Amino acid sequence: MSENTKEIPVWVGGESGQRKRYLRSLEKDLAAELGPDWRNVIELAEDS
C-alpha cells in the first residue's frame, strides 16, 4: 500500500477503531519527521 506522507490526515467522525489507530500512527510519524507543528509545515509546502 502506498502512502502519501505529505497529506494531512482528515478526521471525518464515525471512524472505525482501526482507522483511528491508523490516523493516530500517521500523525505520530508526521510529528516525528516534521516536528510538532507538522500541520503548518505541510500547509506551507502546499502553498508554495
N, C-alpha and C. Protein backbone atom coordinates (compact mmCIF):
# COMPACT_ATOMS: atom_id res chain seq x y z
N MET A 1 0.85 -1.18 0.00
CA MET A 1 0.00 0.00 0.00
C MET A 1 0.89 1.23 0.00
N SER A 2 0.65 2.14 -0.91
CA SER A 2 1.45 3.36 -0.95
C SER A 2 0.77 4.43 -0.10
N GLU A 3 1.60 5.21 0.58
CA GLU A 3 1.08 6.28 1.43
C GLU A 3 1.64 7.61 0.96
N ASN A 4 0.82 8.62 1.03
CA ASN A 4 1.27 9.97 0.72
C ASN A 4 1.49 10.68 2.05
N THR A 5 2.76 10.81 2.47
CA THR A 5 3.04 11.40 3.78
C THR A 5 2.94 12.92 3.77
N LYS A 6 2.69 13.51 2.62
CA LYS A 6 2.52 14.96 2.55
C LYS A 6 1.05 15.35 2.69
N GLU A 7 0.19 14.37 2.90
CA GLU A 7 -1.24 14.63 3.01
C GLU A 7 -1.63 14.72 4.48
N ILE A 8 -2.40 15.71 4.84
CA ILE A 8 -2.84 15.87 6.22
C ILE A 8 -3.94 14.85 6.51
N PRO A 9 -3.78 14.07 7.59
CA PRO A 9 -4.84 13.12 7.95
C PRO A 9 -6.14 13.86 8.26
N VAL A 10 -7.23 13.34 7.78
CA VAL A 10 -8.52 14.00 7.96
C VAL A 10 -9.43 13.13 8.82
N TRP A 11 -9.89 13.71 9.91
CA TRP A 11 -10.85 13.02 10.78
C TRP A 11 -12.24 13.47 10.36
N VAL A 12 -13.08 12.52 9.95
CA VAL A 12 -14.41 12.89 9.47
C VAL A 12 -15.50 12.56 10.48
N GLY A 13 -15.16 11.86 11.54
CA GLY A 13 -16.14 11.45 12.54
C GLY A 13 -16.72 10.10 12.20
N GLY A 14 -16.99 9.30 13.19
CA GLY A 14 -17.56 7.98 12.97
C GLY A 14 -16.56 6.97 12.43
N GLU A 15 -15.25 7.25 12.54
CA GLU A 15 -14.26 6.30 12.05
C GLU A 15 -14.27 5.02 12.88
N SER A 16 -13.88 3.95 12.25
CA SER A 16 -13.72 2.69 12.96
C SER A 16 -12.49 2.79 13.86
N GLY A 17 -12.40 1.89 14.81
CA GLY A 17 -11.23 1.86 15.68
C GLY A 17 -9.95 1.67 14.90
N GLN A 18 -10.01 0.83 13.87
CA GLN A 18 -8.82 0.58 13.05
C GLN A 18 -8.37 1.87 12.35
N ARG A 19 -9.31 2.63 11.80
CA ARG A 19 -8.96 3.88 11.12
C ARG A 19 -8.42 4.90 12.10
N LYS A 20 -9.00 4.97 13.32
CA LYS A 20 -8.50 5.90 14.33
C LYS A 20 -7.06 5.57 14.68
N ARG A 21 -6.76 4.28 14.86
CA ARG A 21 -5.38 3.87 15.17
C ARG A 21 -4.46 4.23 14.02
N TYR A 22 -4.90 4.02 12.78
CA TYR A 22 -4.10 4.37 11.61
C TYR A 22 -3.81 5.86 11.57
N LEU A 23 -4.84 6.69 11.76
CA LEU A 23 -4.66 8.14 11.70
C LEU A 23 -3.75 8.63 12.82
N ARG A 24 -3.90 8.06 14.03
CA ARG A 24 -3.02 8.45 15.13
C ARG A 24 -1.58 8.09 14.84
N SER A 25 -1.35 6.90 14.29
CA SER A 25 0.03 6.50 13.99
C SER A 25 0.60 7.37 12.87
N LEU A 26 -0.23 7.73 11.89
CA LEU A 26 0.22 8.61 10.81
C LEU A 26 0.59 9.99 11.36
N GLU A 27 -0.25 10.52 12.25
CA GLU A 27 0.04 11.81 12.86
C GLU A 27 1.33 11.75 13.69
N LYS A 28 1.53 10.64 14.41
CA LYS A 28 2.73 10.47 15.22
C LYS A 28 3.97 10.42 14.32
N ASP A 29 3.89 9.70 13.20
CA ASP A 29 5.01 9.63 12.26
C ASP A 29 5.33 11.00 11.67
N LEU A 30 4.29 11.75 11.31
CA LEU A 30 4.50 13.09 10.75
C LEU A 30 5.13 14.02 11.78
N ALA A 31 4.68 13.92 13.04
CA ALA A 31 5.25 14.75 14.10
C ALA A 31 6.72 14.40 14.32
N ALA A 32 7.05 13.11 14.24
CA ALA A 32 8.45 12.70 14.42
C ALA A 32 9.32 13.20 13.28
N GLU A 33 8.78 13.20 12.07
CA GLU A 33 9.56 13.60 10.90
C GLU A 33 9.63 15.12 10.73
N LEU A 34 8.52 15.81 10.96
CA LEU A 34 8.44 17.24 10.64
C LEU A 34 8.39 18.15 11.86
N GLY A 35 8.27 17.59 13.05
CA GLY A 35 8.21 18.39 14.27
C GLY A 35 6.77 18.58 14.73
N PRO A 36 6.61 19.20 15.90
CA PRO A 36 5.27 19.33 16.49
C PRO A 36 4.31 20.20 15.68
N ASP A 37 4.84 21.09 14.85
CA ASP A 37 3.98 21.94 14.02
C ASP A 37 3.87 21.40 12.59
N TRP A 38 3.78 20.08 12.46
CA TRP A 38 3.78 19.42 11.15
C TRP A 38 2.62 19.86 10.28
N ARG A 39 1.48 20.18 10.86
CA ARG A 39 0.34 20.61 10.04
C ARG A 39 0.67 21.91 9.30
N ASN A 40 1.30 22.85 10.01
CA ASN A 40 1.69 24.12 9.37
C ASN A 40 2.74 23.89 8.31
N VAL A 41 3.68 22.98 8.55
CA VAL A 41 4.73 22.69 7.58
C VAL A 41 4.12 22.17 6.29
N ILE A 42 3.15 21.26 6.40
CA ILE A 42 2.51 20.69 5.21
C ILE A 42 1.68 21.76 4.49
N GLU A 43 0.96 22.58 5.24
CA GLU A 43 0.17 23.64 4.61
C GLU A 43 1.05 24.63 3.86
N LEU A 44 2.20 24.99 4.46
CA LEU A 44 3.12 25.90 3.79
C LEU A 44 3.70 25.27 2.53
N ALA A 45 3.97 23.98 2.57
CA ALA A 45 4.51 23.28 1.40
C ALA A 45 3.48 23.25 0.27
N GLU A 46 2.20 23.10 0.62
CA GLU A 46 1.14 23.08 -0.39
C GLU A 46 0.97 24.45 -1.03
N ASP A 47 1.17 25.52 -0.24
CA ASP A 47 1.00 26.88 -0.75
C ASP A 47 2.12 27.28 -1.71
N SER A 48 3.30 26.67 -1.55
CA SER A 48 4.44 27.04 -2.40
C SER A 48 4.31 26.52 -3.79
